[in-house]
Amino acid sequence: MSPPRGVDLTIDTLPVGVPIGRCWLKLFGIIPFDYDLLMIAEIRPGRSFYEKSTMLSMHRWEHERTLTPRAAATLVRDRITFDSRVPGLATAIAPLLRAFFAHRHRRLARHFAQ
């Protein structure tokens, strides 16, 4: 996903409760295929964030990430809720979303294991 042009985004600079603009989703990091009109509804620094957005393909896209400290690691949990604008799309992309977030979690685990 790429941020809107001219916007420097970090978790510390994201406005809460205000759409920040279109963030393009890109296939292989190159080909735009959808956009997310990104809005962070809530941030609990170091604990969680809650995104409530719309997308070109979705009436509603909600993403909640929570971090739960464990003895030697941190449990990362993503909960995604969405309503598709295209009939049948939700059923088709659910397995892709599970695989995508599993991939993200593996990358986070590798990054923080260093």
N, C-alpha and C. Protein backbone atom coordinates (compact mmCIF):
# COMPACT_ATOMS: atom_id res chain seq x y z
N MET A 1 0.85 -1.17 0.00
CA MET A 1 0.00 0.00 0.00
C MET A 1 0.89 1.23 0.00
N SER A 2 0.53 2.20 -0.80
CA SER A 2 1.29 3.45 -0.83
C SER A 2 0.44 4.57 -0.23
N PRO A 3 1.07 5.47 0.53
CA PRO A 3 0.32 6.58 1.13
C PRO A 3 -0.06 7.61 0.06
N PRO A 4 -1.01 8.48 0.38
CA PRO A 4 -1.33 9.56 -0.56
C PRO A 4 -0.09 10.41 -0.83
N ARG A 5 -0.01 10.98 -2.02
CA ARG A 5 1.14 11.81 -2.39
C ARG A 5 1.33 12.95 -1.40
N GLY A 6 2.58 13.14 -1.03
CA GLY A 6 2.93 14.26 -0.16
C GLY A 6 2.61 14.04 1.31
N VAL A 7 2.14 12.83 1.66
CA VAL A 7 1.81 12.56 3.06
C VAL A 7 2.86 11.63 3.64
N ASP A 8 3.49 12.06 4.72
CA ASP A 8 4.48 11.24 5.42
C ASP A 8 3.77 10.60 6.61
N LEU A 9 3.56 9.30 6.53
CA LEU A 9 2.78 8.62 7.55
C LEU A 9 3.65 7.77 8.48
N THR A 10 3.46 7.97 9.75
CA THR A 10 3.98 7.06 10.76
C THR A 10 2.87 6.90 11.78
N ILE A 11 2.98 5.91 12.63
CA ILE A 11 1.95 5.70 13.63
C ILE A 11 1.83 6.92 14.55
N ASP A 12 2.90 7.67 14.68
CA ASP A 12 2.89 8.85 15.54
C ASP A 12 2.27 10.08 14.87
N THR A 13 2.21 10.09 13.54
CA THR A 13 1.70 11.27 12.84
C THR A 13 0.33 11.06 12.20
N LEU A 14 -0.21 9.85 12.27
CA LEU A 14 -1.52 9.59 11.68
C LEU A 14 -2.61 10.36 12.42
N PRO A 15 -3.43 11.12 11.70
CA PRO A 15 -4.57 11.76 12.38
C PRO A 15 -5.61 10.69 12.72
N VAL A 16 -6.26 10.83 13.85
CA VAL A 16 -7.27 9.87 14.29
C VAL A 16 -8.66 10.43 13.99
N GLY A 17 -9.50 9.60 13.36
CA GLY A 17 -10.88 9.97 13.09
C GLY A 17 -11.07 10.81 11.85
N VAL A 18 -10.02 10.97 11.05
CA VAL A 18 -10.07 11.80 9.84
C VAL A 18 -9.52 10.99 8.67
N PRO A 19 -10.27 10.85 7.57
CA PRO A 19 -9.70 10.16 6.41
C PRO A 19 -8.45 10.89 5.92
N ILE A 20 -7.40 10.14 5.62
CA ILE A 20 -6.15 10.78 5.19
C ILE A 20 -5.98 10.80 3.68
N GLY A 21 -6.85 10.11 2.97
CA GLY A 21 -6.76 10.08 1.52
C GLY A 21 -6.62 8.66 1.00
N ARG A 22 -6.50 8.56 -0.30
CA ARG A 22 -6.41 7.25 -0.96
C ARG A 22 -5.00 6.67 -0.83
N CYS A 23 -4.95 5.48 -0.28
CA CYS A 23 -3.71 4.70 -0.22
C CYS A 23 -3.89 3.57 -1.22
N TRP A 24 -3.07 3.55 -2.25
CA TRP A 24 -3.22 2.57 -3.32
C TRP A 24 -2.62 1.23 -2.91
N LEU A 25 -3.36 0.17 -3.17
CA LEU A 25 -2.86 -1.19 -3.00
C LEU A 25 -2.29 -1.61 -4.34
N LYS A 26 -1.09 -2.18 -4.29
CA LYS A 26 -0.40 -2.50 -5.53
C LYS A 26 0.00 -3.97 -5.57
N LEU A 27 -0.35 -4.62 -6.66
CA LEU A 27 0.03 -6.00 -6.89
C LEU A 27 1.53 -6.06 -7.15
N PHE A 28 2.23 -6.88 -6.39
CA PHE A 28 3.68 -7.01 -6.47
C PHE A 28 4.39 -5.67 -6.22
N GLY A 29 3.70 -4.76 -5.52
CA GLY A 29 4.27 -3.46 -5.23
C GLY A 29 4.35 -2.51 -6.42
N ILE A 30 3.73 -2.90 -7.54
CA ILE A 30 3.85 -2.11 -8.77
C ILE A 30 2.51 -1.72 -9.37
N ILE A 31 1.60 -2.68 -9.53
CA ILE A 31 0.38 -2.47 -10.30
C ILE A 31 -0.79 -2.11 -9.37
N PRO A 32 -1.29 -0.86 -9.44
CA PRO A 32 -2.42 -0.49 -8.59
C PRO A 32 -3.66 -1.30 -8.97
N PHE A 33 -4.33 -1.86 -7.94
CA PHE A 33 -5.53 -2.63 -8.23
C PHE A 33 -6.73 -2.24 -7.34
N ASP A 34 -6.49 -1.47 -6.31
CA ASP A 34 -7.57 -1.03 -5.44
C ASP A 34 -7.02 0.11 -4.60
N TYR A 35 -7.90 0.86 -3.96
CA TYR A 35 -7.43 1.87 -3.02
C TYR A 35 -8.20 1.76 -1.72
N ASP A 36 -7.58 2.26 -0.69
CA ASP A 36 -8.14 2.29 0.65
C ASP A 36 -8.25 3.76 1.05
N LEU A 37 -9.47 4.24 1.27
CA LEU A 37 -9.65 5.59 1.79
C LEU A 37 -9.45 5.47 3.31
N LEU A 38 -8.20 5.53 3.70
CA LEU A 38 -7.74 5.16 5.03
C LEU A 38 -8.19 6.14 6.10
N MET A 39 -8.76 5.57 7.18
CA MET A 39 -9.07 6.36 8.36
C MET A 39 -8.78 5.52 9.60
N ILE A 40 -7.90 6.01 10.43
CA ILE A 40 -7.61 5.36 11.70
C ILE A 40 -8.62 5.89 12.71
N ALA A 41 -9.43 5.00 13.27
CA ALA A 41 -10.47 5.40 14.21
C ALA A 41 -9.94 5.48 15.64
N GLU A 42 -8.92 4.66 15.93
CA GLU A 42 -8.39 4.62 17.29
C GLU A 42 -6.97 4.09 17.28
N ILE A 43 -6.14 4.67 18.12
CA ILE A 43 -4.77 4.18 18.32
C ILE A 43 -4.53 4.09 19.82
N ARG A 44 -4.06 2.95 20.24
CA ARG A 44 -3.57 2.78 21.61
C ARG A 44 -2.08 2.45 21.46
N PRO A 45 -1.22 3.46 21.60
CA PRO A 45 0.21 3.27 21.32
C PRO A 45 0.80 2.03 22.02
N GLY A 46 1.46 1.22 21.20
CA GLY A 46 2.10 0.02 21.70
C GLY A 46 1.14 -1.12 21.98
N ARG A 47 -0.18 -0.91 21.77
CA ARG A 47 -1.17 -1.93 22.11
C ARG A 47 -2.08 -2.30 20.93
N SER A 48 -2.59 -1.28 20.20
CA SER A 48 -3.53 -1.61 19.14
C SER A 48 -3.80 -0.41 18.24
N PHE A 49 -4.40 -0.72 17.09
CA PHE A 49 -5.01 0.32 16.26
C PHE A 49 -6.28 -0.26 15.67
N TYR A 50 -7.18 0.64 15.28
CA TYR A 50 -8.45 0.25 14.69
C TYR A 50 -8.68 1.15 13.49
N GLU A 51 -8.76 0.55 12.33
CA GLU A 51 -8.97 1.27 11.07
C GLU A 51 -10.40 1.03 10.60
N LYS A 52 -11.09 2.11 10.23
CA LYS A 52 -12.42 2.04 9.62
C LYS A 52 -12.34 2.81 8.32
N SER A 53 -12.34 2.10 7.22
CA SER A 53 -12.13 2.72 5.91
C SER A 53 -13.16 2.22 4.92
N THR A 54 -13.12 2.83 3.75
CA THR A 54 -13.83 2.29 2.59
C THR A 54 -12.78 2.06 1.52
N MET A 55 -13.14 1.24 0.57
CA MET A 55 -12.23 0.93 -0.52
C MET A 55 -13.01 1.00 -1.84
N LEU A 56 -12.29 1.01 -2.93
CA LEU A 56 -12.94 0.93 -4.23
C LEU A 56 -13.81 -0.32 -4.28
N SER A 57 -13.31 -1.43 -3.75
CA SER A 57 -14.01 -2.71 -3.82
C SER A 57 -14.87 -3.01 -2.59
N MET A 58 -14.78 -2.18 -1.52
CA MET A 58 -15.46 -2.48 -0.27
C MET A 58 -16.28 -1.28 0.23
N HIS A 59 -17.53 -1.54 0.61
CA HIS A 59 -18.34 -0.51 1.29
C HIS A 59 -17.73 -0.22 2.65
N ARG A 60 -17.27 -1.28 3.29
CA ARG A 60 -16.74 -1.17 4.65
C ARG A 60 -15.52 -2.07 4.77
N TRP A 61 -14.45 -1.51 5.35
CA TRP A 61 -13.24 -2.27 5.64
C TRP A 61 -12.80 -1.87 7.04
N GLU A 62 -12.79 -2.83 7.95
CA GLU A 62 -12.34 -2.57 9.31
C GLU A 62 -11.21 -3.52 9.64
N HIS A 63 -10.15 -2.95 10.17
CA HIS A 63 -8.97 -3.74 10.53
C HIS A 63 -8.56 -3.34 11.94
N GLU A 64 -8.59 -4.31 12.81
CA GLU A 64 -8.14 -4.08 14.19
C GLU A 64 -6.93 -4.96 14.44
N ARG A 65 -5.84 -4.34 14.85
CA ARG A 65 -4.63 -5.08 15.22
C ARG A 65 -4.39 -4.87 16.70
N THR A 66 -4.20 -5.97 17.41
CA THR A 66 -3.88 -5.89 18.83
C THR A 66 -2.57 -6.61 19.09
N LEU A 67 -1.82 -6.06 20.01
CA LEU A 67 -0.55 -6.64 20.45
C LEU A 67 -0.71 -7.02 21.91
N THR A 68 -0.42 -8.30 22.22
CA THR A 68 -0.53 -8.78 23.59
C THR A 68 0.82 -9.34 24.02
N PRO A 69 1.45 -8.71 25.04
CA PRO A 69 2.74 -9.20 25.51
C PRO A 69 2.63 -10.62 26.06
N ARG A 70 3.59 -11.44 25.75
CA ARG A 70 3.72 -12.79 26.28
C ARG A 70 5.09 -12.90 26.94
N ALA A 71 5.37 -14.01 27.55
CA ALA A 71 6.63 -14.18 28.28
C ALA A 71 7.86 -13.83 27.44
N ALA A 72 7.98 -14.43 26.27
CA ALA A 72 9.18 -14.21 25.46
C ALA A 72 8.87 -13.60 24.10
N ALA A 73 7.63 -13.21 23.89
CA ALA A 73 7.25 -12.69 22.57
C ALA A 73 6.02 -11.82 22.71
N THR A 74 5.46 -11.42 21.59
CA THR A 74 4.22 -10.65 21.56
C THR A 74 3.26 -11.33 20.60
N LEU A 75 2.03 -11.52 21.04
CA LEU A 75 1.00 -12.08 20.19
C LEU A 75 0.41 -10.95 19.35
N VAL A 76 0.43 -11.12 18.02
CA VAL A 76 -0.14 -10.15 17.09
C VAL A 76 -1.43 -10.75 16.55
N ARG A 77 -2.52 -10.02 16.70
CA ARG A 77 -3.82 -10.50 16.23
C ARG A 77 -4.44 -9.45 15.31
N ASP A 78 -4.84 -9.86 14.13
CA ASP A 78 -5.54 -8.99 13.18
C ASP A 78 -6.96 -9.51 13.01
N ARG A 79 -7.92 -8.61 13.14
CA ARG A 79 -9.32 -8.94 12.89
C ARG A 79 -9.79 -8.04 11.75
N ILE A 80 -10.28 -8.67 10.69
CA ILE A 80 -10.73 -7.95 9.50
C ILE A 80 -12.24 -8.18 9.34
N THR A 81 -12.96 -7.09 9.10
CA THR A 81 -14.39 -7.16 8.81
C THR A 81 -14.62 -6.30 7.57
N PHE A 82 -15.39 -6.82 6.61
CA PHE A 82 -15.61 -6.04 5.40
C PHE A 82 -16.91 -6.42 4.73
N ASP A 83 -17.43 -5.48 3.96
CA ASP A 83 -18.59 -5.69 3.10
C ASP A 83 -18.18 -5.29 1.70
N SER A 84 -18.27 -6.24 0.80
CA SER A 84 -17.84 -6.03 -0.58
C SER A 84 -18.89 -5.31 -1.40
N ARG A 85 -18.43 -4.52 -2.34
CA ARG A 85 -19.33 -3.88 -3.31
C ARG A 85 -19.70 -4.87 -4.43
N VAL A 86 -18.92 -5.93 -4.57
CA VAL A 86 -19.09 -6.90 -5.65
C VAL A 86 -19.65 -8.20 -5.07
N PRO A 87 -20.82 -8.65 -5.51
CA PRO A 87 -21.38 -9.89 -5.00
C PRO A 87 -20.41 -11.07 -5.17
N GLY A 88 -20.24 -11.84 -4.11
CA GLY A 88 -19.37 -13.02 -4.17
C GLY A 88 -17.90 -12.75 -3.91
N LEU A 89 -17.50 -11.49 -3.93
CA LEU A 89 -16.09 -11.17 -3.74
C LEU A 89 -15.59 -11.56 -2.36
N ALA A 90 -16.40 -11.35 -1.33
CA ALA A 90 -15.99 -11.65 0.03
C ALA A 90 -15.59 -13.12 0.17
N THR A 91 -16.39 -14.01 -0.39
CA THR A 91 -16.09 -15.44 -0.33
C THR A 91 -14.81 -15.76 -1.08
N ALA A 92 -14.61 -15.09 -2.20
CA ALA A 92 -13.43 -15.36 -3.02
C ALA A 92 -12.15 -14.86 -2.38
N ILE A 93 -12.20 -13.71 -1.69
CA ILE A 93 -10.94 -13.16 -1.18
C ILE A 93 -10.63 -13.54 0.26
N ALA A 94 -11.58 -14.15 0.98
CA ALA A 94 -11.32 -14.53 2.38
C ALA A 94 -10.06 -15.39 2.51
N PRO A 95 -9.88 -16.45 1.69
CA PRO A 95 -8.65 -17.25 1.81
C PRO A 95 -7.39 -16.45 1.48
N LEU A 96 -7.51 -15.51 0.52
CA LEU A 96 -6.36 -14.67 0.18
C LEU A 96 -5.98 -13.75 1.34
N LEU A 97 -6.99 -13.19 2.02
CA LEU A 97 -6.71 -12.34 3.17
C LEU A 97 -6.05 -13.12 4.30
N ARG A 98 -6.53 -14.36 4.55
CA ARG A 98 -5.89 -15.19 5.58
C ARG A 98 -4.43 -15.44 5.24
N ALA A 99 -4.16 -15.76 3.98
CA ALA A 99 -2.78 -16.01 3.56
C ALA A 99 -1.94 -14.74 3.64
N PHE A 100 -2.51 -13.61 3.25
CA PHE A 100 -1.80 -12.33 3.29
C PHE A 100 -1.40 -11.97 4.72
N PHE A 101 -2.34 -12.07 5.66
CA PHE A 101 -2.01 -11.71 7.04
C PHE A 101 -1.10 -12.75 7.69
N ALA A 102 -1.20 -14.01 7.33
CA ALA A 102 -0.25 -15.01 7.82
C ALA A 102 1.16 -14.65 7.34
N HIS A 103 1.28 -14.23 6.09
CA HIS A 103 2.57 -13.79 5.54
C HIS A 103 3.09 -12.58 6.31
N ARG A 104 2.23 -11.59 6.57
CA ARG A 104 2.63 -10.41 7.35
C ARG A 104 3.14 -10.81 8.73
N HIS A 105 2.45 -11.74 9.37
CA HIS A 105 2.85 -12.16 10.71
C HIS A 105 4.20 -12.86 10.69
N ARG A 106 4.45 -13.67 9.66
CA ARG A 106 5.77 -14.31 9.53
C ARG A 106 6.86 -13.26 9.35
N ARG A 107 6.58 -12.24 8.53
CA ARG A 107 7.58 -11.17 8.32
C ARG A 107 7.84 -10.40 9.61
N LEU A 108 6.79 -10.10 10.37
CA LEU A 108 6.97 -9.43 11.65
C LEU A 108 7.80 -10.28 12.60
N ALA A 109 7.51 -11.58 12.65
CA ALA A 109 8.26 -12.50 13.52
C ALA A 109 9.74 -12.52 13.13
N ARG A 110 10.03 -12.59 11.83
CA ARG A 110 11.43 -12.58 11.36
C ARG A 110 12.10 -11.26 11.71
N HIS A 111 11.40 -10.16 11.48
CA HIS A 111 11.98 -8.84 11.74
C HIS A 111 12.35 -8.67 13.23
N PHE A 112 11.46 -9.06 14.11
CA PHE A 112 11.70 -8.85 15.53
C PHE A 112 12.54 -9.95 16.16
N ALA A 113 12.80 -11.04 15.44
CA ALA A 113 13.67 -12.09 15.95
C ALA A 113 15.15 -11.72 15.79
N GLN A 114 15.43 -10.71 14.98
CA GLN A 114 16.82 -10.32 14.70
C GLN A 114 17.47 -9.68 15.89
